[in-house]
C-alpha atoms as a PDB file:
ATOM      1  CA  MET A   1     -12.942  19.120 -13.969  1.00  0.00           C
ATOM      2  CA  VAL A   2     -13.506  15.962 -11.929  1.00  0.00           C
ATOM      3  CA  THR A   3     -11.375  15.524  -8.813  1.00  0.00           C
ATOM      4  CA  SER A   4     -11.148  12.194  -7.077  1.00  0.00           C
ATOM      5  CA  ILE A   5      -9.302  10.749  -4.138  1.00  0.00           C
ATOM      6  CA  ILE A   6      -8.232   7.140  -4.575  1.00  0.00           C
ATOM      7  CA  LEU A   7      -7.345   5.168  -1.452  1.00  0.00           C
ATOM      8  CA  ILE A   8      -5.056   2.272  -2.345  1.00  0.00           C
ATOM      9  CA  ASN A   9      -3.866  -0.894  -0.645  1.00  0.00           C
ATOM     10  CA  VAL A  10      -0.717  -2.354  -2.155  1.00  0.00           C
ATOM     11  CA  ASN A  11       1.808  -5.118  -1.635  1.00  0.00           C
ATOM     12  CA  ARG A  12       3.843  -3.673   1.252  1.00  0.00           C
ATOM     13  CA  LYS A  13       7.152  -4.527  -0.409  1.00  0.00           C
ATOM     14  CA  LYS A  14       6.208  -2.414  -3.446  1.00  0.00           C
ATOM     15  CA  VAL A  15       4.899   0.817  -1.871  1.00  0.00           C
ATOM     16  CA  ASN A  16       7.604   3.076  -3.287  1.00  0.00           C
ATOM     17  CA  GLU A  17       7.635   1.423  -6.710  1.00  0.00           C
ATOM     18  CA  ILE A  18       3.850   1.606  -7.042  1.00  0.00           C
ATOM     19  CA  ALA A  19       3.741   5.212  -5.819  1.00  0.00           C
ATOM     20  CA  GLU A  20       6.208   6.198  -8.554  1.00  0.00           C
ATOM     21  CA  GLN A  21       4.198   4.347 -11.207  1.00  0.00           C
ATOM     22  CA  LEU A  22       1.008   6.072 -10.077  1.00  0.00           C
ATOM     23  CA  ALA A  23       2.648   9.499 -10.123  1.00  0.00           C
ATOM     24  CA  ALA A  24       3.682   8.924 -13.744  1.00  0.00           C
ATOM     25  CA  ILE A  25       0.090   8.419 -14.917  1.00  0.00           C
ATOM     26  CA  ASN A  26      -1.412  11.386 -16.759  1.00  0.00           C
ATOM     27  CA  GLY A  27      -4.151  12.822 -14.546  1.00  0.00           C
ATOM     28  CA  VAL A  28      -2.617  11.754 -11.236  1.00  0.00           C
ATOM     29  CA  SER A  29      -1.556  15.029  -9.651  1.00  0.00           C
ATOM     30  CA  GLU A  30      -0.284  13.764  -6.290  1.00  0.00           C
ATOM     31  CA  VAL A  31       0.487  10.484  -4.530  1.00  0.00           C
ATOM     32  CA  TYR A  32       1.004  10.196  -0.778  1.00  0.00           C
ATOM     33  CA  SER A  33       2.141   7.294   1.362  1.00  0.00           C
ATOM     34  CA  VAL A  34      -0.037   7.359   4.463  1.00  0.00           C
ATOM     35  CA  THR A  35      -0.726   5.659   7.777  1.00  0.00           C
ATOM     36  CA  GLY A  36      -3.965   3.908   8.612  1.00  0.00           C
ATOM     37  CA  ASN A  37      -6.106   1.464   6.658  1.00  0.00           C
ATOM     38  CA  PHE A  38      -4.586   2.331   3.284  1.00  0.00           C
ATOM     39  CA  ASP A  39      -1.014   2.488   2.017  1.00  0.00           C
ATOM     40  CA  LEU A  40      -1.265   5.197  -0.649  1.00  0.00           C
ATOM     41  CA  VAL A  41      -3.594   8.052  -1.525  1.00  0.00           C
ATOM     42  CA  ALA A  42      -3.699   9.376  -5.088  1.00  0.00           C
ATOM     43  CA  ILE A  43      -5.310  12.666  -6.067  1.00  0.00           C
ATOM     44  CA  VAL A  44      -6.645  12.486  -9.612  1.00  0.00           C
ATOM     45  CA  ARG A  45      -7.910  15.357 -11.730  1.00  0.00           C
ATOM     46  CA  ALA A  46      -9.667  14.415 -14.954  1.00  0.00           C
ATOM     47  CA  GLN A  47     -11.640  16.407 -17.501  1.00  0.00           C
ATOM     48  CA  THR A  48     -14.650  14.068 -17.455  1.00  0.00           C
ATOM     49  CA  ASN A  49     -16.121  11.142 -15.541  1.00  0.00           C
ATOM     50  CA  ASP A  50     -15.312   8.938 -18.532  1.00  0.00           C
ATOM     51  CA  GLU A  51     -11.646   9.961 -18.370  1.00  0.00           C
ATOM     52  CA  LEU A  52     -11.596   9.152 -14.652  1.00  0.00           C
ATOM     53  CA  ALA A  53     -13.293   5.805 -15.264  1.00  0.00           C
ATOM     54  CA  ASP A  54     -10.709   4.965 -17.918  1.00  0.00           C
ATOM     55  CA  LEU A  55      -7.853   5.802 -15.563  1.00  0.00           C
ATOM     56  CA  VAL A  56      -9.286   3.648 -12.768  1.00  0.00           C
ATOM     57  CA  THR A  57     -10.404   0.682 -14.871  1.00  0.00           C
ATOM     58  CA  HIS A  58      -7.623   0.611 -17.480  1.00  0.00           C
ATOM     59  CA  GLU A  59      -4.519   2.286 -16.042  1.00  0.00           C
ATOM     60  CA  LEU A  60      -4.551   1.224 -12.391  1.00  0.00           C
ATOM     61  CA  VAL A  61      -5.138  -2.440 -13.229  1.00  0.00           C
ATOM     62  CA  LYS A  62      -1.861  -2.468 -15.180  1.00  0.00           C
ATOM     63  CA  ILE A  63       0.132  -1.832 -11.998  1.00  0.00           C
ATOM     64  CA  ASP A  64       1.229  -5.090 -10.401  1.00  0.00           C
ATOM     65  CA  GLY A  65       0.903  -5.032  -6.627  1.00  0.00           C
ATOM     66  CA  ILE A  66      -2.249  -2.944  -6.232  1.00  0.00           C
ATOM     67  CA  GLU A  67      -4.528  -5.075  -4.085  1.00  0.00           C
ATOM     68  CA  LYS A  68      -7.555  -2.834  -3.478  1.00  0.00           C
ATOM     69  CA  THR A  69      -8.774   0.661  -4.295  1.00  0.00           C
ATOM     70  CA  ASP A  70     -11.557   2.854  -2.968  1.00  0.00           C
ATOM     71  CA  THR A  71     -12.364   5.833  -5.198  1.00  0.00           C
ATOM     72  CA  MET A  72     -14.134   8.919  -3.863  1.00  0.00           C
ATOM     73  CA  LEU A  73     -15.388  11.848  -5.959  1.00  0.00           C
ATOM     74  CA  ALA A  74     -14.897  15.351  -4.623  1.00  0.00           C
ATOM     75  CA  PHE A  75     -17.938  17.647  -4.800  1.00  0.00           C
ATOM     76  CA  LYS A  76     -16.499  20.985  -3.712  1.00  0.00           C
ATOM     77  CA  ALA A  77     -13.051  22.298  -2.732  1.00  0.00           C
ATOM     78  CA  TYR A  78     -12.582  24.349   0.414  1.00  0.00           C
ATOM     79  CA  SER A  79      -8.793  24.528   0.352  1.00  0.00           C
ATOM     80  CA  ARG A  80      -7.243  27.854   1.338  1.00  0.00           C
ATOM     81  CA  HIS A  81      -4.269  26.891  -0.846  1.00  0.00           C
ATOM     82  CA  ASP A  82      -6.460  26.760  -3.979  1.00  0.00           C
ATOM     83  CA  LEU A  83      -8.151  30.065  -3.158  1.00  0.00           C
ATOM     84  CA  ASP A  84      -4.817  31.819  -2.581  1.00  0.00           C
ATOM     85  CA  ALA A  85      -3.490  30.546  -5.916  1.00  0.00           C
ATOM     86  CA  MET A  86      -6.556  31.877  -7.772  1.00  0.00           C
ATOM     87  CA  PHE A  87      -6.253  35.394  -6.376  1.00  0.00           C
ATOM     88  CA  SER A  88      -2.486  35.892  -6.243  1.00  0.00           C
ATOM     89  CA  VAL A  89      -0.986  38.418  -8.630  1.00  0.00           C
END
């Protein structure tokens, strides 16, 4: 499983519309509107690097209003939430 964090700048008038379109893409597990240098953050979970590359280069470009993206790959998860979910009965 490949997890990535995609930081996204969008047309400010389309933040909500673009967030909904992103959330509808298979592989996008979460989308957050955020403060700071970016407008949206998408968490993507793909089976392979090729699947992730396809999502970024073919799916995101279809969304009108995305101005810039910065994609980061996650190496290791340290989330307490994920650990609790694995060991709950």
